[in-house]
N, C-alpha and C. Protein backbone atom coordinates (compact mmCIF):
# COMPACT_ATOMS: atom_id res chain seq x y z
N MET A 1 15.41 -11.42 11.21
CA MET A 1 14.64 -10.36 10.62
C MET A 1 13.92 -9.57 11.75
N ARG A 2 14.19 -8.29 11.75
CA ARG A 2 13.57 -7.41 12.76
C ARG A 2 12.32 -6.71 12.17
N VAL A 3 11.28 -6.71 12.96
CA VAL A 3 10.02 -6.03 12.54
C VAL A 3 10.32 -4.56 12.28
N SER A 4 11.13 -3.97 13.17
CA SER A 4 11.41 -2.53 13.01
C SER A 4 12.15 -2.23 11.68
N ASP A 5 12.86 -3.22 11.15
CA ASP A 5 13.57 -3.02 9.85
C ASP A 5 12.54 -3.06 8.70
N LEU A 6 11.37 -3.64 8.93
CA LEU A 6 10.35 -3.72 7.87
C LEU A 6 9.44 -2.52 7.89
N LEU A 7 9.60 -1.64 8.88
CA LEU A 7 8.83 -0.40 8.95
C LEU A 7 9.68 0.74 8.43
N ASN A 8 9.03 1.69 7.77
CA ASN A 8 9.70 2.93 7.40
C ASN A 8 8.67 4.04 7.44
N ARG A 9 9.14 5.23 7.27
CA ARG A 9 8.30 6.43 7.42
C ARG A 9 6.98 6.30 6.63
N ASP A 10 7.06 5.74 5.42
CA ASP A 10 5.90 5.64 4.55
C ASP A 10 5.00 4.45 4.84
N SER A 11 5.38 3.61 5.78
CA SER A 11 4.56 2.45 6.12
C SER A 11 3.81 2.63 7.44
N VAL A 12 3.89 3.85 7.99
CA VAL A 12 3.26 4.13 9.28
C VAL A 12 2.35 5.34 9.14
N LEU A 13 1.15 5.24 9.68
CA LEU A 13 0.23 6.38 9.70
C LEU A 13 -0.32 6.44 11.12
N LEU A 14 -0.24 7.65 11.71
CA LEU A 14 -0.61 7.83 13.12
C LEU A 14 -1.88 8.68 13.25
N HIS A 15 -2.66 8.29 14.25
CA HIS A 15 -3.81 9.06 14.71
C HIS A 15 -4.80 9.36 13.59
N ALA A 16 -5.11 8.38 12.79
CA ALA A 16 -6.04 8.52 11.68
C ALA A 16 -7.48 8.37 12.16
N ASP A 17 -8.39 8.85 11.35
CA ASP A 17 -9.83 8.66 11.58
C ASP A 17 -10.34 7.69 10.55
N MET A 18 -10.90 6.59 11.01
CA MET A 18 -11.47 5.55 10.13
C MET A 18 -12.87 5.22 10.57
N GLU A 19 -13.69 4.90 9.60
CA GLU A 19 -15.08 4.53 9.90
C GLU A 19 -15.18 3.12 10.44
N ASP A 20 -14.37 2.20 9.88
CA ASP A 20 -14.49 0.81 10.23
C ASP A 20 -13.21 0.05 9.87
N ALA A 21 -13.22 -1.23 10.19
CA ALA A 21 -12.05 -2.07 9.91
C ALA A 21 -11.73 -2.15 8.43
N ALA A 22 -12.74 -2.18 7.59
CA ALA A 22 -12.50 -2.27 6.14
C ALA A 22 -11.70 -1.04 5.63
N ASP A 23 -12.07 0.15 6.16
CA ASP A 23 -11.31 1.33 5.77
C ASP A 23 -9.87 1.25 6.25
N ALA A 24 -9.67 0.78 7.49
CA ALA A 24 -8.33 0.65 8.04
C ALA A 24 -7.51 -0.32 7.18
N LEU A 25 -8.11 -1.43 6.82
CA LEU A 25 -7.40 -2.42 5.98
C LEU A 25 -7.02 -1.80 4.64
N GLY A 26 -7.91 -1.03 4.03
CA GLY A 26 -7.62 -0.38 2.77
C GLY A 26 -6.46 0.56 2.88
N VAL A 27 -6.38 1.35 3.93
CA VAL A 27 -5.29 2.29 4.13
C VAL A 27 -3.98 1.52 4.34
N LEU A 28 -4.01 0.45 5.12
CA LEU A 28 -2.80 -0.32 5.34
C LEU A 28 -2.29 -0.93 4.04
N VAL A 29 -3.18 -1.41 3.22
CA VAL A 29 -2.79 -1.95 1.90
C VAL A 29 -2.13 -0.84 1.08
N GLU A 30 -2.73 0.36 1.08
CA GLU A 30 -2.16 1.48 0.33
C GLU A 30 -0.75 1.83 0.82
N LEU A 31 -0.56 1.79 2.15
CA LEU A 31 0.79 2.06 2.70
C LEU A 31 1.79 1.04 2.16
N GLN A 32 1.39 -0.24 2.15
CA GLN A 32 2.28 -1.29 1.69
C GLN A 32 2.52 -1.16 0.18
N GLU A 33 1.49 -0.78 -0.56
CA GLU A 33 1.63 -0.59 -2.02
C GLU A 33 2.60 0.55 -2.35
N SER A 34 2.49 1.64 -1.59
CA SER A 34 3.32 2.81 -1.85
C SER A 34 4.81 2.49 -1.62
N ASN A 35 5.09 1.48 -0.82
CA ASN A 35 6.46 1.05 -0.56
C ASN A 35 6.95 -0.02 -1.53
N GLY A 36 6.07 -0.50 -2.39
CA GLY A 36 6.45 -1.57 -3.31
C GLY A 36 6.38 -2.96 -2.71
N VAL A 37 5.95 -3.07 -1.43
CA VAL A 37 5.84 -4.37 -0.80
C VAL A 37 4.72 -5.17 -1.48
N ILE A 38 3.58 -4.52 -1.65
CA ILE A 38 2.43 -5.13 -2.34
C ILE A 38 2.37 -4.61 -3.76
N THR A 39 2.33 -5.55 -4.72
CA THR A 39 2.26 -5.18 -6.11
C THR A 39 0.88 -5.30 -6.71
N ASN A 40 -0.03 -5.96 -5.99
CA ASN A 40 -1.42 -6.04 -6.43
C ASN A 40 -2.31 -5.81 -5.21
N GLY A 41 -2.62 -4.53 -4.99
CA GLY A 41 -3.40 -4.14 -3.80
C GLY A 41 -4.75 -4.77 -3.75
N THR A 42 -5.42 -4.89 -4.87
CA THR A 42 -6.76 -5.47 -4.86
C THR A 42 -6.71 -6.92 -4.45
N ALA A 43 -5.78 -7.68 -5.00
CA ALA A 43 -5.65 -9.09 -4.65
C ALA A 43 -5.31 -9.26 -3.17
N TYR A 44 -4.38 -8.41 -2.70
CA TYR A 44 -3.99 -8.52 -1.29
C TYR A 44 -5.13 -8.13 -0.37
N TYR A 45 -5.84 -7.04 -0.70
CA TYR A 45 -6.99 -6.61 0.10
C TYR A 45 -8.00 -7.75 0.21
N ASN A 46 -8.28 -8.38 -0.93
CA ASN A 46 -9.25 -9.49 -0.94
C ASN A 46 -8.75 -10.65 -0.09
N ALA A 47 -7.45 -10.94 -0.14
CA ALA A 47 -6.89 -12.06 0.66
C ALA A 47 -7.02 -11.75 2.13
N ILE A 48 -6.74 -10.51 2.49
CA ILE A 48 -6.84 -10.07 3.89
C ILE A 48 -8.30 -10.20 4.38
N CYS A 49 -9.22 -9.75 3.55
CA CYS A 49 -10.64 -9.80 3.94
C CYS A 49 -11.11 -11.24 4.06
N GLU A 50 -10.65 -12.12 3.15
CA GLU A 50 -11.00 -13.52 3.24
C GLU A 50 -10.44 -14.13 4.54
N ARG A 51 -9.21 -13.75 4.86
CA ARG A 51 -8.56 -14.26 6.09
C ARG A 51 -9.36 -13.81 7.31
N GLU A 52 -9.81 -12.56 7.33
CA GLU A 52 -10.59 -12.05 8.47
C GLU A 52 -11.92 -12.78 8.58
N ALA A 53 -12.55 -13.07 7.44
CA ALA A 53 -13.86 -13.69 7.44
C ALA A 53 -13.77 -15.20 7.74
N ALA A 54 -12.87 -15.89 7.07
CA ALA A 54 -12.80 -17.33 7.21
C ALA A 54 -11.99 -17.80 8.43
N GLY A 55 -10.90 -17.07 8.72
CA GLY A 55 -10.05 -17.50 9.82
C GLY A 55 -10.35 -16.86 11.16
N GLY A 56 -11.32 -16.01 11.20
CA GLY A 56 -11.62 -15.33 12.42
C GLY A 56 -10.84 -14.03 12.52
N SER A 57 -11.30 -13.17 13.37
CA SER A 57 -10.70 -11.87 13.53
C SER A 57 -9.23 -11.97 13.90
N THR A 58 -8.44 -11.05 13.39
CA THR A 58 -7.02 -10.97 13.72
C THR A 58 -6.80 -10.00 14.90
N ALA A 59 -7.90 -9.56 15.51
CA ALA A 59 -7.77 -8.74 16.74
C ALA A 59 -7.23 -9.65 17.85
N ILE A 60 -6.28 -9.12 18.59
CA ILE A 60 -5.65 -9.94 19.66
C ILE A 60 -6.03 -9.44 21.06
N GLY A 61 -6.92 -8.46 21.11
CA GLY A 61 -7.31 -7.90 22.41
C GLY A 61 -6.55 -6.65 22.77
N ASP A 62 -6.98 -5.97 23.80
CA ASP A 62 -6.35 -4.74 24.25
C ASP A 62 -6.26 -3.66 23.16
N GLY A 63 -7.23 -3.67 22.23
CA GLY A 63 -7.29 -2.64 21.20
C GLY A 63 -6.31 -2.82 20.06
N MET A 64 -5.81 -4.05 19.85
CA MET A 64 -4.83 -4.32 18.79
C MET A 64 -5.30 -5.38 17.81
N ALA A 65 -4.83 -5.26 16.57
CA ALA A 65 -5.13 -6.26 15.54
C ALA A 65 -3.89 -6.45 14.69
N LEU A 66 -3.69 -7.67 14.20
CA LEU A 66 -2.54 -8.04 13.36
C LEU A 66 -3.00 -8.72 12.07
N PRO A 67 -3.67 -7.97 11.18
CA PRO A 67 -4.12 -8.61 9.93
C PRO A 67 -2.88 -9.05 9.12
N HIS A 68 -3.00 -10.20 8.50
CA HIS A 68 -1.85 -10.75 7.78
C HIS A 68 -2.33 -11.72 6.71
N ALA A 69 -1.51 -11.81 5.66
CA ALA A 69 -1.80 -12.78 4.60
C ALA A 69 -0.50 -13.07 3.87
N CYS A 70 -0.44 -14.28 3.37
CA CYS A 70 0.71 -14.75 2.61
C CYS A 70 0.09 -15.10 1.24
N THR A 71 0.38 -14.25 0.22
CA THR A 71 -0.31 -14.41 -1.04
C THR A 71 0.50 -13.83 -2.18
N THR A 72 0.13 -14.20 -3.39
CA THR A 72 0.77 -13.55 -4.56
C THR A 72 0.39 -12.06 -4.57
N GLY A 73 1.12 -11.29 -5.29
CA GLY A 73 0.90 -9.87 -5.28
C GLY A 73 1.68 -9.16 -4.21
N VAL A 74 2.53 -9.94 -3.48
CA VAL A 74 3.42 -9.36 -2.50
C VAL A 74 4.87 -9.61 -2.99
N ALA A 75 5.61 -8.52 -3.10
CA ALA A 75 6.99 -8.64 -3.62
C ALA A 75 8.02 -9.11 -2.61
N ALA A 76 7.80 -8.65 -1.34
CA ALA A 76 8.78 -8.96 -0.27
C ALA A 76 8.07 -8.79 1.06
N PRO A 77 8.58 -9.42 2.11
CA PRO A 77 7.94 -9.24 3.40
C PRO A 77 7.90 -7.76 3.80
N GLY A 78 6.79 -7.35 4.40
CA GLY A 78 6.64 -5.96 4.84
C GLY A 78 5.65 -5.83 5.98
N VAL A 79 5.77 -4.75 6.71
CA VAL A 79 4.87 -4.45 7.81
C VAL A 79 4.43 -2.99 7.69
N ALA A 80 3.17 -2.74 7.86
CA ALA A 80 2.62 -1.38 7.94
C ALA A 80 1.95 -1.26 9.29
N ALA A 81 1.92 -0.03 9.82
CA ALA A 81 1.32 0.21 11.12
C ALA A 81 0.37 1.40 11.05
N LEU A 82 -0.69 1.32 11.83
CA LEU A 82 -1.72 2.36 11.85
C LEU A 82 -2.23 2.53 13.25
N THR A 83 -2.26 3.78 13.70
CA THR A 83 -2.96 4.07 14.97
C THR A 83 -4.19 4.91 14.63
N LEU A 84 -5.23 4.73 15.40
CA LEU A 84 -6.51 5.42 15.16
C LEU A 84 -6.84 6.34 16.34
N ARG A 85 -7.43 7.48 16.05
CA ARG A 85 -7.91 8.35 17.12
C ARG A 85 -9.01 7.71 17.93
N HIS A 86 -9.90 7.04 17.22
CA HIS A 86 -11.02 6.33 17.84
C HIS A 86 -11.04 4.92 17.29
N GLY A 87 -11.11 3.94 18.20
CA GLY A 87 -11.04 2.56 17.78
C GLY A 87 -12.27 2.16 16.93
N VAL A 88 -12.07 1.09 16.18
CA VAL A 88 -13.15 0.54 15.35
C VAL A 88 -13.42 -0.91 15.75
N ASP A 89 -14.61 -1.39 15.47
CA ASP A 89 -14.98 -2.76 15.78
C ASP A 89 -14.17 -3.70 14.87
N TRP A 90 -13.51 -4.66 15.48
CA TRP A 90 -12.69 -5.63 14.74
C TRP A 90 -13.08 -7.05 15.15
N GLY A 91 -14.15 -7.21 15.90
CA GLY A 91 -14.51 -8.52 16.36
C GLY A 91 -13.55 -9.10 17.37
N ALA A 92 -13.00 -8.21 18.19
CA ALA A 92 -11.99 -8.62 19.17
C ALA A 92 -12.57 -9.57 20.22
N PRO A 93 -11.76 -10.48 20.74
CA PRO A 93 -12.20 -11.42 21.75
C PRO A 93 -12.63 -10.70 23.03
N ASP A 94 -12.05 -9.54 23.30
CA ASP A 94 -12.43 -8.79 24.53
C ASP A 94 -13.45 -7.71 24.22
N ASN A 95 -13.95 -7.66 22.99
CA ASN A 95 -14.95 -6.69 22.53
C ASN A 95 -14.47 -5.25 22.55
N ARG A 96 -13.18 -5.02 22.74
CA ARG A 96 -12.65 -3.63 22.70
C ARG A 96 -12.47 -3.17 21.27
N PRO A 97 -12.74 -1.92 21.01
CA PRO A 97 -12.43 -1.37 19.68
C PRO A 97 -10.91 -1.39 19.45
N VAL A 98 -10.51 -1.54 18.23
CA VAL A 98 -9.12 -1.63 17.86
C VAL A 98 -8.60 -0.25 17.40
N ASP A 99 -7.46 0.16 17.95
CA ASP A 99 -6.88 1.43 17.55
C ASP A 99 -5.37 1.36 17.26
N LEU A 100 -4.83 0.13 17.31
CA LEU A 100 -3.42 -0.07 16.98
C LEU A 100 -3.36 -1.34 16.09
N ILE A 101 -2.92 -1.12 14.85
CA ILE A 101 -2.97 -2.20 13.87
C ILE A 101 -1.64 -2.35 13.14
N PHE A 102 -1.14 -3.55 13.04
CA PHE A 102 0.04 -3.88 12.26
C PHE A 102 -0.38 -4.87 11.17
N MET A 103 -0.10 -4.54 9.93
CA MET A 103 -0.44 -5.46 8.82
C MET A 103 0.84 -6.08 8.33
N ILE A 104 0.81 -7.43 8.24
CA ILE A 104 1.97 -8.18 7.76
C ILE A 104 1.63 -8.69 6.37
N ALA A 105 2.52 -8.39 5.41
CA ALA A 105 2.36 -8.91 4.04
C ALA A 105 3.60 -9.70 3.69
N VAL A 106 3.39 -10.90 3.18
CA VAL A 106 4.54 -11.72 2.76
C VAL A 106 4.15 -12.49 1.49
N PRO A 107 5.14 -12.74 0.62
CA PRO A 107 4.87 -13.56 -0.56
C PRO A 107 4.72 -15.03 -0.17
N PRO A 108 4.14 -15.84 -1.05
CA PRO A 108 3.90 -17.27 -0.72
C PRO A 108 5.15 -18.04 -0.32
N GLN A 109 6.31 -17.71 -0.89
CA GLN A 109 7.52 -18.44 -0.56
C GLN A 109 8.15 -18.02 0.76
N ALA A 110 7.51 -17.11 1.50
CA ALA A 110 8.08 -16.63 2.75
C ALA A 110 7.27 -17.01 3.97
N GLN A 111 6.80 -18.25 3.98
CA GLN A 111 5.98 -18.72 5.11
C GLN A 111 6.74 -18.62 6.46
N ALA A 112 8.01 -19.02 6.44
CA ALA A 112 8.78 -18.97 7.68
C ALA A 112 8.90 -17.55 8.20
N GLU A 113 9.20 -16.62 7.31
CA GLU A 113 9.27 -15.20 7.71
C GLU A 113 7.94 -14.69 8.25
N HIS A 114 6.89 -15.12 7.60
CA HIS A 114 5.51 -14.75 8.04
C HIS A 114 5.28 -15.13 9.48
N LEU A 115 5.59 -16.34 9.82
CA LEU A 115 5.40 -16.80 11.20
C LEU A 115 6.36 -16.09 12.17
N LEU A 116 7.58 -15.85 11.77
CA LEU A 116 8.53 -15.13 12.60
C LEU A 116 8.06 -13.72 12.89
N ILE A 117 7.64 -13.02 11.85
CA ILE A 117 7.14 -11.62 12.04
C ILE A 117 5.94 -11.63 12.97
N LEU A 118 5.00 -12.49 12.73
CA LEU A 118 3.79 -12.60 13.57
C LEU A 118 4.13 -12.85 15.00
N ALA A 119 5.00 -13.85 15.23
CA ALA A 119 5.36 -14.22 16.58
C ALA A 119 6.12 -13.06 17.28
N ARG A 120 7.00 -12.40 16.56
CA ARG A 120 7.77 -11.32 17.13
C ARG A 120 6.83 -10.15 17.51
N LEU A 121 5.90 -9.83 16.65
CA LEU A 121 4.94 -8.74 16.94
C LEU A 121 4.11 -9.08 18.17
N VAL A 122 3.62 -10.30 18.27
CA VAL A 122 2.82 -10.71 19.45
C VAL A 122 3.69 -10.56 20.71
N ASN A 123 4.92 -10.99 20.61
CA ASN A 123 5.80 -10.90 21.76
C ASN A 123 6.05 -9.44 22.16
N LEU A 124 6.36 -8.59 21.19
CA LEU A 124 6.60 -7.17 21.49
C LEU A 124 5.34 -6.50 22.07
N LEU A 125 4.20 -6.78 21.49
CA LEU A 125 2.96 -6.12 21.88
C LEU A 125 2.40 -6.64 23.20
N SER A 126 3.06 -7.65 23.76
CA SER A 126 2.67 -8.11 25.12
C SER A 126 3.18 -7.16 26.17
N ASP A 127 4.04 -6.24 25.77
CA ASP A 127 4.60 -5.24 26.69
C ASP A 127 3.67 -4.04 26.72
N ALA A 128 2.92 -3.88 27.79
CA ALA A 128 1.93 -2.80 27.92
C ALA A 128 2.57 -1.42 27.85
N ASN A 129 3.79 -1.28 28.31
CA ASN A 129 4.47 0.01 28.24
C ASN A 129 4.78 0.41 26.78
N LEU A 130 5.26 -0.58 26.03
CA LEU A 130 5.52 -0.32 24.61
C LEU A 130 4.22 0.08 23.88
N VAL A 131 3.17 -0.67 24.12
CA VAL A 131 1.87 -0.35 23.44
C VAL A 131 1.43 1.06 23.80
N LYS A 132 1.57 1.46 25.04
CA LYS A 132 1.21 2.81 25.48
C LYS A 132 2.06 3.83 24.73
N GLU A 133 3.36 3.56 24.62
CA GLU A 133 4.27 4.46 23.93
C GLU A 133 3.93 4.59 22.44
N LEU A 134 3.64 3.46 21.82
CA LEU A 134 3.29 3.46 20.40
C LEU A 134 2.03 4.30 20.17
N ARG A 135 1.05 4.17 21.01
CA ARG A 135 -0.20 4.93 20.87
C ARG A 135 0.07 6.43 21.05
N ALA A 136 1.05 6.78 21.86
CA ALA A 136 1.34 8.18 22.15
C ALA A 136 2.41 8.74 21.22
N SER A 137 2.91 7.99 20.29
CA SER A 137 3.96 8.48 19.39
C SER A 137 3.51 9.74 18.68
N VAL A 138 4.44 10.69 18.57
CA VAL A 138 4.11 11.98 18.00
C VAL A 138 4.53 12.10 16.52
N SER A 139 5.32 11.15 16.05
CA SER A 139 5.73 11.12 14.65
C SER A 139 5.96 9.69 14.22
N ARG A 140 6.00 9.51 12.93
CA ARG A 140 6.27 8.15 12.39
C ARG A 140 7.68 7.70 12.78
N GLU A 141 8.61 8.62 12.77
CA GLU A 141 9.96 8.28 13.17
C GLU A 141 10.03 7.86 14.64
N ASP A 142 9.28 8.57 15.47
CA ASP A 142 9.19 8.25 16.88
C ASP A 142 8.62 6.84 17.06
N PHE A 143 7.56 6.52 16.35
CA PHE A 143 6.94 5.19 16.41
C PHE A 143 7.94 4.10 16.04
N ILE A 144 8.62 4.28 14.96
CA ILE A 144 9.61 3.29 14.50
C ILE A 144 10.76 3.17 15.48
N MET A 145 11.23 4.29 16.00
CA MET A 145 12.35 4.27 16.99
C MET A 145 11.91 3.49 18.23
N ARG A 146 10.68 3.72 18.68
CA ARG A 146 10.21 2.97 19.88
C ARG A 146 10.16 1.49 19.62
N MET A 147 9.68 1.10 18.43
CA MET A 147 9.67 -0.32 18.04
C MET A 147 11.08 -0.89 18.00
N ALA A 148 11.97 -0.19 17.37
CA ALA A 148 13.37 -0.63 17.21
C ALA A 148 14.02 -0.80 18.58
N ARG A 149 13.84 0.17 19.44
CA ARG A 149 14.44 0.13 20.80
C ARG A 149 13.89 -1.06 21.58
N ALA A 150 12.59 -1.27 21.54
CA ALA A 150 11.97 -2.40 22.27
C ALA A 150 12.46 -3.74 21.68
N GLU A 151 12.54 -3.79 20.37
CA GLU A 151 12.96 -5.03 19.71
C GLU A 151 14.45 -5.34 20.02
N ALA A 152 15.28 -4.33 20.00
CA ALA A 152 16.70 -4.53 20.33
C ALA A 152 16.86 -4.99 21.75
N SER A 153 16.07 -4.44 22.65
CA SER A 153 16.13 -4.81 24.06
C SER A 153 15.64 -6.24 24.29
N ARG A 154 14.55 -6.58 23.65
CA ARG A 154 13.92 -7.89 23.91
C ARG A 154 14.63 -9.00 23.12
N PHE A 155 15.14 -8.75 21.96
CA PHE A 155 15.73 -9.78 21.13
C PHE A 155 17.19 -9.51 20.85
N ALA A 156 17.92 -9.12 21.90
CA ALA A 156 19.36 -8.79 21.75
C ALA A 156 20.19 -9.99 21.34
């Protein structure tokens, strides 16, 4: 399963303005809902917020966060991506504001896929050049193409 295959034009929003992490999470849930990945946005939003509160921040440093939950109300594995013009506080371990966010949604029966997607994203985002390119993407298609190219190269 390729992360880039789980992204599409409607699951990516670039250079948005958000007040805080809660707003960013809400937009990411809406992106997943519009694709039919999430069938119960309220339940998923609540699960994500619980995960952030109870499990600690999903910020991984360097201005990135990977919010994720495995819960009912998700029809199929999906990924949404969001870049922000100005970072928001996400409780990151390096105290940097977050401006690049990938949300992973999976149904309860897809635990293995959940871990695979999360691990693959962490691996891809360890490439500083890719992260720089993603932040500079000029279109959703450009963003997805950069992810697909990096993923094909790294996981050939």
